[in-house]
Amino acid sequence: MAKLRAIPGGKGKEKRFSLVYGVRLYPSAQVARVSQGEARLRDGTTSPVPLRVLRGSREQIRAQVLASIDALFDRAQREAKNPVVSAHPGSEETNEAGC
């Protein structure tokens, strides 16, 4: 007869996690390199990539990440329809969609 053993995390005791991640949306082929919390763009400038921390069960974190990604693309779509005009005339700067 098989010996029974306790499995960690039983009822009401979901494993808890902390997820650290960073997301930023750029136009295609603009990113040359990515390092800790920063993206170096092809034109030589750098751009911050904000880091986030999510805590919870696997399902809670998954739901938060999916909602965050949806919001990122929704914001990018709104900004594409209503681009922000630079405060500096003649500047090539564009508004970046980020999270």
Protein backbone atom coordinates (compact mmCIF):
# COMPACT_ATOMS: atom_id res chain seq x y z
CA MET A 1 0.00 0.00 0.00
CA ALA A 2 1.29 3.47 -0.95
CA LYS A 3 2.33 5.72 1.87
CA LEU A 4 0.43 9.03 2.05
CA ARG A 5 2.32 12.27 2.47
CA ALA A 6 1.31 15.89 2.90
CA ILE A 7 1.46 18.11 -0.19
CA PRO A 8 2.36 21.74 0.57
CA GLY A 9 -0.22 24.37 -0.28
CA GLY A 10 -3.45 22.49 0.43
CA LYS A 11 -6.89 24.11 0.54
CA GLY A 12 -6.81 27.84 1.10
CA LYS A 13 -3.04 27.87 1.14
CA GLU A 14 -2.09 28.87 -2.40
CA LYS A 15 1.58 29.47 -3.02
CA ARG A 16 2.38 33.17 -3.09
CA PHE A 17 4.89 34.73 -5.46
CA SER A 18 6.48 38.07 -6.26
CA LEU A 19 6.97 38.83 -9.94
CA VAL A 20 9.38 41.60 -10.93
CA TYR A 21 9.02 42.71 -14.54
CA GLY A 22 9.45 45.66 -16.87
CA VAL A 23 7.50 46.43 -20.04
CA ARG A 24 7.76 49.25 -22.53
CA LEU A 25 6.46 49.40 -26.10
CA TYR A 26 8.70 50.80 -28.87
CA PRO A 27 8.33 51.16 -32.63
CA SER A 28 9.72 48.18 -34.53
CA ALA A 29 13.54 48.01 -34.82
CA GLN A 30 14.12 51.06 -32.60
CA VAL A 31 15.72 49.16 -29.69
CA ALA A 32 19.43 48.39 -30.02
CA ARG A 33 20.08 46.92 -26.55
CA VAL A 34 18.34 46.37 -23.23
CA SER A 35 20.02 46.38 -19.82
CA GLN A 36 18.86 46.72 -16.21
CA GLY A 37 15.81 48.98 -16.31
CA GLU A 38 16.96 50.78 -19.46
CA ALA A 39 16.73 50.45 -23.24
CA ARG A 40 19.37 51.91 -25.55
CA LEU A 41 17.80 53.05 -28.79
CA ARG A 42 19.34 52.95 -32.27
CA ASP A 43 19.86 56.74 -32.22
CA GLY A 44 22.12 56.37 -29.15
CA THR A 45 19.65 57.71 -26.58
CA THR A 46 18.48 55.74 -23.58
CA SER A 47 14.97 55.24 -22.33
CA PRO A 48 13.92 54.00 -18.87
CA VAL A 49 12.01 50.74 -18.57
CA PRO A 50 10.08 50.98 -15.31
CA LEU A 51 10.16 47.86 -13.16
CA ARG A 52 7.03 46.63 -11.43
CA VAL A 53 6.44 44.16 -8.62
CA LEU A 54 3.30 42.03 -8.46
CA ARG A 55 2.53 39.80 -5.50
CA GLY A 56 -0.04 37.07 -5.18
CA SER A 57 -0.94 33.61 -6.34
CA ARG A 58 -0.11 32.41 -9.83
CA GLU A 59 -3.62 33.22 -11.06
CA GLN A 60 -3.70 36.66 -9.41
CA ILE A 61 -0.35 37.61 -10.94
CA ARG A 62 -1.35 36.23 -14.34
CA ALA A 63 -4.56 38.30 -14.35
CA GLN A 64 -2.64 41.46 -13.36
CA VAL A 65 0.01 40.94 -16.06
CA LEU A 66 -2.60 40.35 -18.77
CA ALA A 67 -4.53 43.47 -17.69
CA SER A 68 -1.29 45.48 -17.70
CA ILE A 69 -0.40 44.34 -21.24
CA ASP A 70 -3.92 45.14 -22.48
CA ALA A 71 -3.65 48.62 -20.94
CA LEU A 72 -0.23 49.12 -22.57
CA PHE A 73 -1.61 48.41 -26.06
CA ASP A 74 -4.78 50.46 -25.42
CA ARG A 75 -2.63 53.44 -24.44
CA ALA A 76 -0.40 53.02 -27.49
CA GLN A 77 -3.47 52.91 -29.73
CA ARG A 78 -4.91 56.10 -28.15
CA GLU A 79 -1.56 57.88 -28.53
CA ALA A 80 -1.29 56.81 -32.18
CA LYS A 81 -4.70 58.39 -32.84
CA ASN A 82 -3.86 61.55 -30.85
CA PRO A 83 -0.08 62.08 -31.03
CA VAL A 84 1.41 64.45 -28.49
CA VAL A 85 3.06 67.46 -30.11
CA SER A 86 6.56 68.17 -28.82
CA ALA A 87 7.03 71.33 -26.75
CA HIS A 88 10.28 71.93 -28.65
CA PRO A 89 9.72 73.02 -32.27
CA GLY A 90 11.86 71.09 -34.72
CA SER A 91 12.38 68.24 -32.27
CA GLU A 92 12.07 64.69 -33.60
CA GLU A 93 10.91 63.49 -30.17
CA THR A 94 7.76 61.36 -30.06
CA ASN A 95 5.69 60.26 -27.14
CA GLU A 96 6.51 56.67 -26.09
CA ALA A 97 3.91 54.25 -24.87
CA GLY A 98 5.06 52.65 -21.65
CA CYS A 99 3.81 50.85 -18.66
